[in-house]
Amino acid sequence: MYQESLDRHGDAVQHVAYWLDEADYAAAAAHLESSGYQEIQSFRLPMLRVGYYDTRRVIGVVTEIVGASQEGHELRRNLKSGKF
């Protein structure tokens, strides 16, 4: 997915991401799918569930949703503040 974007568009925005509570992930994914946006790929980690949806025809980029547990939200806060 990333290489395809680089090949087509060069160094440009490839996707937008929305971080959600893990409890809201299924509803968000169902909304995207029922709106006609096909899931491109998805995966699960112990603290995150991630899905990429093909919204390129409407907004020009892929939409990523991340359903995070409390630990996942803490990881994101630490990364943003430089605490690796």
PDB file of N, CA and C in Angstrom:
ATOM      1  N   MET A   1       0.820  -1.182   0.000  1.00  0.00           N
ATOM      2  CA  MET A   1       0.000   0.000   0.000  1.00  0.00           C
ATOM      3  C   MET A   1       0.871   1.255   0.000  1.00  0.00           C
ATOM      4  N   TYR A   2       1.892   1.293   0.837  1.00  0.00           N
ATOM      5  CA  TYR A   2       2.744   2.480   0.905  1.00  0.00           C
ATOM      6  C   TYR A   2       3.571   2.645  -0.361  1.00  0.00           C
ATOM      7  N   GLN A   3       4.153   1.559  -0.841  1.00  0.00           N
ATOM      8  CA  GLN A   3       4.969   1.643  -2.050  1.00  0.00           C
ATOM      9  C   GLN A   3       4.127   2.085  -3.233  1.00  0.00           C
ATOM     10  N   GLU A   4       2.913   1.578  -3.342  1.00  0.00           N
ATOM     11  CA  GLU A   4       2.017   1.986  -4.425  1.00  0.00           C
ATOM     12  C   GLU A   4       1.786   3.496  -4.389  1.00  0.00           C
ATOM     13  N   SER A   5       1.570   4.044  -3.210  1.00  0.00           N
ATOM     14  CA  SER A   5       1.361   5.483  -3.069  1.00  0.00           C
ATOM     15  C   SER A   5       2.616   6.258  -3.474  1.00  0.00           C
ATOM     16  N   LEU A   6       3.775   5.791  -3.040  1.00  0.00           N
ATOM     17  CA  LEU A   6       5.023   6.454  -3.423  1.00  0.00           C
ATOM     18  C   LEU A   6       5.236   6.417  -4.938  1.00  0.00           C
ATOM     19  N   ASP A   7       4.940   5.264  -5.537  1.00  0.00           N
ATOM     20  CA  ASP A   7       5.115   5.119  -6.980  1.00  0.00           C
ATOM     21  C   ASP A   7       4.183   6.049  -7.751  1.00  0.00           C
ATOM     22  N   ARG A   8       2.972   6.199  -7.278  1.00  0.00           N
ATOM     23  CA  ARG A   8       1.978   7.020  -7.983  1.00  0.00           C
ATOM     24  C   ARG A   8       2.115   8.514  -7.710  1.00  0.00           C
ATOM     25  N   HIS A   9       2.403   8.869  -6.445  1.00  0.00           N
ATOM     26  CA  HIS A   9       2.309  10.269  -6.039  1.00  0.00           C
ATOM     27  C   HIS A   9       3.601  10.852  -5.486  1.00  0.00           C
ATOM     28  N   GLY A  10       4.631  10.050  -5.384  1.00  0.00           N
ATOM     29  CA  GLY A  10       5.877  10.551  -4.814  1.00  0.00           C
ATOM     30  C   GLY A  10       5.720  10.832  -3.332  1.00  0.00           C
ATOM     31  N   ASP A  11       6.476  11.774  -2.859  1.00  0.00           N
ATOM     32  CA  ASP A  11       6.512  12.120  -1.434  1.00  0.00           C
ATOM     33  C   ASP A  11       5.315  13.010  -1.099  1.00  0.00           C
ATOM     34  N   ALA A  12       4.165  12.392  -0.850  1.00  0.00           N
ATOM     35  CA  ALA A  12       2.927  13.125  -0.567  1.00  0.00           C
ATOM     36  C   ALA A  12       2.173  12.417   0.559  1.00  0.00           C
ATOM     37  N   VAL A  13       1.142  13.051   1.054  1.00  0.00           N
ATOM     38  CA  VAL A  13       0.314  12.440   2.099  1.00  0.00           C
ATOM     39  C   VAL A  13      -0.294  11.156   1.545  1.00  0.00           C
ATOM     40  N   GLN A  14      -0.165  10.081   2.296  1.00  0.00           N
ATOM     41  CA  GLN A  14      -0.675   8.775   1.872  1.00  0.00           C
ATOM     42  C   GLN A  14      -1.971   8.425   2.593  1.00  0.00           C
ATOM     43  N   HIS A  15      -2.077   8.802   3.867  1.00  0.00           N
ATOM     44  CA  HIS A  15      -3.299   8.488   4.596  1.00  0.00           C
ATOM     45  C   HIS A  15      -3.502   9.448   5.769  1.00  0.00           C
ATOM     46  N   VAL A  16      -4.739   9.481   6.247  1.00  0.00           N
ATOM     47  CA  VAL A  16      -5.072  10.189   7.482  1.00  0.00           C
ATOM     48  C   VAL A  16      -5.473   9.133   8.498  1.00  0.00           C
ATOM     49  N   ALA A  17      -5.166   9.396   9.763  1.00  0.00           N
ATOM     50  CA  ALA A  17      -5.440   8.412  10.811  1.00  0.00           C
ATOM     51  C   ALA A  17      -6.332   9.010  11.880  1.00  0.00           C
ATOM     52  N   TYR A  18      -7.231   8.196  12.378  1.00  0.00           N
ATOM     53  CA  TYR A  18      -8.113   8.565  13.474  1.00  0.00           C
ATOM     54  C   TYR A  18      -7.900   7.565  14.605  1.00  0.00           C
ATOM     55  N   TRP A  19      -7.542   8.052  15.776  1.00  0.00           N
ATOM     56  CA  TRP A  19      -7.361   7.202  16.953  1.00  0.00           C
ATOM     57  C   TRP A  19      -8.654   7.195  17.748  1.00  0.00           C
ATOM     58  N   LEU A  20      -9.119   6.005  18.074  1.00  0.00           N
ATOM     59  CA  LEU A  20     -10.374   5.803  18.796  1.00  0.00           C
ATOM     60  C   LEU A  20     -10.124   4.903  19.989  1.00  0.00           C
ATOM     61  N   ASP A  21     -11.070   4.879  20.892  1.00  0.00           N
ATOM     62  CA  ASP A  21     -11.062   3.842  21.921  1.00  0.00           C
ATOM     63  C   ASP A  21     -11.372   2.517  21.249  1.00  0.00           C
ATOM     64  N   GLU A  22     -10.775   1.444  21.736  1.00  0.00           N
ATOM     65  CA  GLU A  22     -10.997   0.138  21.114  1.00  0.00           C
ATOM     66  C   GLU A  22     -12.473  -0.242  21.082  1.00  0.00           C
ATOM     67  N   ALA A  23     -13.259   0.223  22.040  1.00  0.00           N
ATOM     68  CA  ALA A  23     -14.684  -0.083  22.075  1.00  0.00           C
ATOM     69  C   ALA A  23     -15.443   0.549  20.906  1.00  0.00           C
ATOM     70  N   ASP A  24     -14.887   1.574  20.284  1.00  0.00           N
ATOM     71  CA  ASP A  24     -15.542   2.272  19.172  1.00  0.00           C
ATOM     72  C   ASP A  24     -15.073   1.805  17.798  1.00  0.00           C
ATOM     73  N   TYR A  25     -14.078   0.945  17.769  1.00  0.00           N
ATOM     74  CA  TYR A  25     -13.484   0.526  16.496  1.00  0.00           C
ATOM     75  C   TYR A  25     -14.494  -0.185  15.595  1.00  0.00           C
ATOM     76  N   ALA A  26     -15.203  -1.166  16.120  1.00  0.00           N
ATOM     77  CA  ALA A  26     -16.115  -1.970  15.290  1.00  0.00           C
ATOM     78  C   ALA A  26     -17.182  -1.098  14.644  1.00  0.00           C
ATOM     79  N   ALA A  27     -17.735  -0.151  15.385  1.00  0.00           N
ATOM     80  CA  ALA A  27     -18.762   0.726  14.821  1.00  0.00           C
ATOM     81  C   ALA A  27     -18.184   1.622  13.730  1.00  0.00           C
ATOM     82  N   ALA A  28     -16.980   2.136  13.937  1.00  0.00           N
ATOM     83  CA  ALA A  28     -16.338   2.982  12.927  1.00  0.00           C
ATOM     84  C   ALA A  28     -16.042   2.177  11.661  1.00  0.00           C
ATOM     85  N   ALA A  29     -15.537   0.961  11.823  1.00  0.00           N
ATOM     86  CA  ALA A  29     -15.244   0.106  10.671  1.00  0.00           C
ATOM     87  C   ALA A  29     -16.531  -0.236   9.925  1.00  0.00           C
ATOM     88  N   ALA A  30     -17.582  -0.560  10.646  1.00  0.00           N
ATOM     89  CA  ALA A  30     -18.865  -0.882  10.016  1.00  0.00           C
ATOM     90  C   ALA A  30     -19.417   0.326   9.259  1.00  0.00           C
ATOM     91  N   HIS A  31     -19.262   1.513   9.824  1.00  0.00           N
ATOM     92  CA  HIS A  31     -19.730   2.728   9.156  1.00  0.00           C
ATOM     93  C   HIS A  31     -18.979   2.954   7.840  1.00  0.00           C
ATOM     94  N   LEU A  32     -17.656   2.812   7.875  1.00  0.00           N
ATOM     95  CA  LEU A  32     -16.876   2.989   6.649  1.00  0.00           C
ATOM     96  C   LEU A  32     -17.273   1.966   5.588  1.00  0.00           C
ATOM     97  N   GLU A  33     -17.402   0.706   5.999  1.00  0.00           N
ATOM     98  CA  GLU A  33     -17.750  -0.347   5.049  1.00  0.00           C
ATOM     99  C   GLU A  33     -19.157  -0.160   4.493  1.00  0.00           C
ATOM    100  N   SER A  34     -20.116   0.215   5.343  1.00  0.00           N
ATOM    101  CA  SER A  34     -21.493   0.411   4.864  1.00  0.00           C
ATOM    102  C   SER A  34     -21.616   1.658   3.988  1.00  0.00           C
ATOM    103  N   SER A  35     -20.638   2.548   4.088  1.00  0.00           N
ATOM    104  CA  SER A  35     -20.608   3.740   3.237  1.00  0.00           C
ATOM    105  C   SER A  35     -19.905   3.468   1.911  1.00  0.00           C
ATOM    106  N   GLY A  36     -19.459   2.229   1.717  1.00  0.00           N
ATOM    107  CA  GLY A  36     -18.867   1.834   0.442  1.00  0.00           C
ATOM    108  C   GLY A  36     -17.358   1.886   0.382  1.00  0.00           C
ATOM    109  N   TYR A  37     -16.704   2.075   1.523  1.00  0.00           N
ATOM    110  CA  TYR A  37     -15.245   2.139   1.540  1.00  0.00           C
ATOM    111  C   TYR A  37     -14.678   0.780   1.901  1.00  0.00           C
ATOM    112  N   GLN A  38     -14.015   0.164   0.947  1.00  0.00           N
ATOM    113  CA  GLN A  38     -13.471  -1.183   1.113  1.00  0.00           C
ATOM    114  C   GLN A  38     -12.269  -1.174   2.052  1.00  0.00           C
ATOM    115  N   GLU A  39     -12.211  -2.190   2.920  1.00  0.00           N
ATOM    116  CA  GLU A  39     -11.035  -2.365   3.760  1.00  0.00           C
ATOM    117  C   GLU A  39      -9.883  -2.835   2.883  1.00  0.00           C
ATOM    118  N   ILE A  40      -8.755  -2.134   2.977  1.00  0.00           N
ATOM    119  CA  ILE A  40      -7.565  -2.500   2.214  1.00  0.00           C
ATOM    120  C   ILE A  40      -6.750  -3.529   2.984  1.00  0.00           C
ATOM    121  N   GLN A  41      -6.554  -3.271   4.262  1.00  0.00           N
ATOM    122  CA  GLN A  41      -5.836  -4.207   5.128  1.00  0.00           C
ATOM    123  C   GLN A  41      -6.151  -3.875   6.575  1.00  0.00           C
ATOM    124  N   SER A  42      -5.932  -4.858   7.432  1.00  0.00           N
ATOM    125  CA  SER A  42      -6.123  -4.633   8.860  1.00  0.00           C
ATOM    126  C   SER A  42      -5.237  -5.595   9.630  1.00  0.00           C
ATOM    127  N   PHE A  43      -5.002  -5.256  10.889  1.00  0.00           N
ATOM    128  CA  PHE A  43      -4.230  -6.134  11.763  1.00  0.00           C
ATOM    129  C   PHE A  43      -4.521  -5.775  13.214  1.00  0.00           C
ATOM    130  N   ARG A  44      -4.144  -6.699  14.089  1.00  0.00           N
ATOM    131  CA  ARG A  44      -4.306  -6.512  15.533  1.00  0.00           C
ATOM    132  C   ARG A  44      -2.971  -6.665  16.218  1.00  0.00           C
ATOM    133  N   LEU A  45      -2.769  -5.843  17.213  1.00  0.00           N
ATOM    134  CA  LEU A  45      -1.656  -5.964  18.135  1.00  0.00           C
ATOM    135  C   LEU A  45      -2.258  -6.044  19.526  1.00  0.00           C
ATOM    136  N   PRO A  46      -1.487  -6.414  20.528  1.00  0.00           N
ATOM    137  CA  PRO A  46      -2.079  -6.520  21.860  1.00  0.00           C
ATOM    138  C   PRO A  46      -2.785  -5.240  22.337  1.00  0.00           C
ATOM    139  N   MET A  47      -2.291  -4.074  21.956  1.00  0.00           N
ATOM    140  CA  MET A  47      -2.905  -2.844  22.448  1.00  0.00           C
ATOM    141  C   MET A  47      -3.585  -2.012  21.368  1.00  0.00           C
ATOM    142  N   LEU A  48      -3.582  -2.492  20.107  1.00  0.00           N
ATOM    143  CA  LEU A  48      -4.155  -1.743  18.999  1.00  0.00           C
ATOM    144  C   LEU A  48      -4.863  -2.658  18.012  1.00  0.00           C
ATOM    145  N   ARG A  49      -5.889  -2.121  17.395  1.00  0.00           N
ATOM    146  CA  ARG A  49      -6.517  -2.745  16.233  1.00  0.00           C
ATOM    147  C   ARG A  49      -6.503  -1.681  15.145  1.00  0.00           C
ATOM    148  N   VAL A  50      -6.020  -2.028  13.954  1.00  0.00           N
ATOM    149  CA  VAL A  50      -5.799  -1.038  12.898  1.00  0.00           C
ATOM    150  C   VAL A  50      -6.472  -1.490  11.614  1.00  0.00           C
ATOM    151  N   GLY A  51      -7.110  -0.560  10.924  1.00  0.00           N
ATOM    152  CA  GLY A  51      -7.713  -0.838   9.626  1.00  0.00           C
ATOM    153  C   GLY A  51      -7.495   0.316   8.675  1.00  0.00           C
ATOM    154  N   TYR A  52      -7.244  -0.019   7.428  1.00  0.00           N
ATOM    155  CA  TYR A  52      -7.070   0.979   6.368  1.00  0.00           C
ATOM    156  C   TYR A  52      -8.222   0.826   5.383  1.00  0.00           C
ATOM    157  N   TYR A  53      -8.854   1.950   5.020  1.00  0.00           N
ATOM    158  CA  TYR A  53     -10.018   1.939   4.141  1.00  0.00           C
ATOM    159  C   TYR A  53      -9.773   2.834   2.942  1.00  0.00           C
ATOM    160  N   ASP A  54     -10.263   2.371   1.794  1.00  0.00           N
ATOM    161  CA  ASP A  54     -10.006   3.076   0.539  1.00  0.00           C
ATOM    162  C   ASP A  54     -10.989   4.236   0.366  1.00  0.00           C
ATOM    163  N   THR A  55     -10.590   5.395   0.850  1.00  0.00           N
ATOM    164  CA  THR A  55     -11.386   6.621   0.710  1.00  0.00           C
ATOM    165  C   THR A  55     -10.755   7.554  -0.330  1.00  0.00           C
ATOM    166  N   ARG A  56      -9.856   7.019  -1.144  1.00  0.00           N
ATOM    167  CA  ARG A  56      -9.118   7.855  -2.097  1.00  0.00           C
ATOM    168  C   ARG A  56     -10.021   8.557  -3.104  1.00  0.00           C
ATOM    169  N   ARG A  57     -11.086   7.918  -3.547  1.00  0.00           N
ATOM    170  CA  ARG A  57     -11.927   8.546  -4.570  1.00  0.00           C
ATOM    171  C   ARG A  57     -12.655   9.768  -4.037  1.00  0.00           C
ATOM    172  N   VAL A  58     -12.832   9.852  -2.731  1.00  0.00           N
ATOM    173  CA  VAL A  58     -13.569  10.962  -2.127  1.00  0.00           C
ATOM    174  C   VAL A  58     -12.641  12.033  -1.558  1.00  0.00           C
ATOM    175  N   ILE A  59     -11.603  11.619  -0.818  1.00  0.00           N
ATOM    176  CA  ILE A  59     -10.731  12.610  -0.167  1.00  0.00           C
ATOM    177  C   ILE A  59      -9.291  12.573  -0.662  1.00  0.00           C
ATOM    178  N   GLY A  60      -8.995  11.668  -1.578  1.00  0.00           N
ATOM    179  CA  GLY A  60      -7.667  11.639  -2.179  1.00  0.00           C
ATOM    180  C   GLY A  60      -6.620  10.854  -1.425  1.00  0.00           C
ATOM    181  N   VAL A  61      -6.958  10.348  -0.249  1.00  0.00           N
ATOM    182  CA  VAL A  61      -6.026   9.557   0.559  1.00  0.00           C
ATOM    183  C   VAL A  61      -6.778   8.400   1.213  1.00  0.00           C
ATOM    184  N   VAL A  62      -6.035   7.467   1.739  1.00  0.00           N
ATOM    185  CA  VAL A  62      -6.582   6.333   2.486  1.00  0.00           C
ATOM    186  C   VAL A  62      -6.913   6.802   3.904  1.00  0.00           C
ATOM    187  N   THR A  63      -7.949   6.212   4.497  1.00  0.00           N
ATOM    188  CA  THR A  63      -8.303   6.497   5.888  1.00  0.00           C
ATOM    189  C   THR A  63      -7.898   5.316   6.758  1.00  0.00           C
ATOM    190  N   GLU A  64      -7.164   5.615   7.818  1.00  0.00           N
ATOM    191  CA  GLU A  64      -6.752   4.614   8.805  1.00  0.00           C
ATOM    192  C   GLU A  64      -7.540   4.854  10.088  1.00  0.00           C
ATOM    193  N   ILE A  65      -8.069   3.796  10.668  1.00  0.00           N
ATOM    194  CA  ILE A  65      -8.650   3.910  12.006  1.00  0.00           C
ATOM    195  C   ILE A  65      -7.860   3.013  12.942  1.00  0.00           C
ATOM    196  N   VAL A  66      -7.615   3.533  14.133  1.00  0.00           N
ATOM    197  CA  VAL A  66      -6.856   2.808  15.148  1.00  0.00           C
ATOM    198  C   VAL A  66      -7.716   2.738  16.397  1.00  0.00           C
ATOM    199  N   GLY A  67      -8.065   1.542  16.800  1.00  0.00           N
ATOM    200  CA  GLY A  67      -8.776   1.335  18.052  1.00  0.00           C
ATOM    201  C   GLY A  67      -7.759   0.962  19.112  1.00  0.00           C
ATOM    202  N   ALA A  68      -7.600   1.821  20.092  1.00  0.00           N
ATOM    203  CA  ALA A  68      -6.540   1.623  21.082  1.00  0.00           C
ATOM    204  C   ALA A  68      -7.104   1.335  22.463  1.00  0.00           C
ATOM    205  N   SER A  69      -6.430   0.432  23.155  1.00  0.00           N
ATOM    206  CA  SER A  69      -6.703   0.203  24.579  1.00  0.00           C
ATOM    207  C   SER A  69      -6.092   1.363  25.360  1.00  0.00           C
ATOM    208  N   GLN A  70      -6.262   1.378  26.652  1.00  0.00           N
ATOM    209  CA  GLN A  70      -5.638   2.417  27.463  1.00  0.00           C
ATOM    210  C   GLN A  70      -4.116   2.403  27.293  1.00  0.00           C
ATOM    211  N   GLU A  71      -3.557   1.198  27.187  1.00  0.00           N
ATOM    212  CA  GLU A  71      -2.111   1.086  26.978  1.00  0.00           C
ATOM    213  C   GLU A  71      -1.712   1.658  25.619  1.00  0.00           C
ATOM    214  N   GLY A  72      -2.545   1.454  24.605  1.00  0.00           N
ATOM    215  CA  GLY A  72      -2.280   2.003  23.287  1.00  0.00           C
ATOM    216  C   GLY A  72      -2.310   3.523  23.281  1.00  0.00           C
ATOM    217  N   HIS A  73      -3.285   4.092  23.992  1.00  0.00           N
ATOM    218  CA  HIS A  73      -3.349   5.554  24.099  1.00  0.00           C
ATOM    219  C   HIS A  73      -2.118   6.092  24.837  1.00  0.00           C
ATOM    220  N   GLU A  74      -1.689   5.377  25.854  1.00  0.00           N
ATOM    221  CA  GLU A  74      -0.493   5.793  26.603  1.00  0.00           C
ATOM    222  C   GLU A  74       0.751   5.736  25.704  1.00  0.00           C
ATOM    223  N   LEU A  75       0.864   4.687  24.897  1.00  0.00           N
ATOM    224  CA  LEU A  75       1.978   4.575  23.958  1.00  0.00           C
ATOM    225  C   LEU A  75       1.988   5.777  23.019  1.00  0.00           C
ATOM    226  N   ARG A  76       0.848   6.129  22.471  1.00  0.00           N
ATOM    227  CA  ARG A  76       0.764   7.277  21.558  1.00  0.00           C
ATOM    228  C   ARG A  76       1.174   8.570  22.258  1.00  0.00           C
ATOM    229  N   ARG A  77       0.699   8.781  23.468  1.00  0.00           N
ATOM    230  CA  ARG A  77       1.088   9.986  24.221  1.00  0.00           C
ATOM    231  C   ARG A  77       2.603  10.026  24.434  1.00  0.00           C
ATOM    232  N   ASN A  78       3.184   8.880  24.786  1.00  0.00           N
ATOM    233  CA  ASN A  78       4.622   8.829  24.987  1.00  0.00           C
ATOM    234  C   ASN A  78       5.399   9.106  23.706  1.00  0.00           C
ATOM    235  N   LEU A  79       4.946   8.550  22.597  1.00  0.00           N
ATOM    236  CA  LEU A  79       5.623   8.793  21.324  1.00  0.00           C
ATOM    237  C   LEU A  79       5.547  10.269  20.939  1.00  0.00           C
ATOM    238  N   LYS A  80       4.371  10.870  21.128  1.00  0.00           N
ATOM    239  CA  LYS A  80       4.203  12.290  20.786  1.00  0.00           C
ATOM    240  C   LYS A  80       5.101  13.186  21.640  1.00  0.00           C
ATOM    241  N   SER A  81       5.329  12.782  22.877  1.00  0.00           N
ATOM    242  CA  SER A  81       6.139  13.617  23.761  1.00  0.00           C
ATOM    243  C   SER A  81       7.628  13.258  23.722  1.00  0.00           C
ATOM    244  N   GLY A  82       7.985  12.302  22.860  1.00  0.00           N
ATOM    245  CA  GLY A  82       9.391  11.932  22.726  1.00  0.00           C
ATOM    246  C   GLY A  82       9.877  10.904  23.719  1.00  0.00           C
ATOM    247  N   LYS A  83       8.955  10.293  24.459  1.00  0.00           N
ATOM    248  CA  LYS A  83       9.333   9.253  25.434  1.00  0.00           C
ATOM    249  C   LYS A  83       9.236   7.890  24.763  1.00  0.00           C
ATOM    250  N   PHE A  84      10.323   7.414  24.215  1.00  0.00           N
ATOM    251  CA  PHE A  84      10.318   6.132  23.526  1.00  0.00           C
ATOM    252  C   PHE A  84      10.728   5.057  24.487  1.00  0.00           C
TER     253      PHE A  84
END
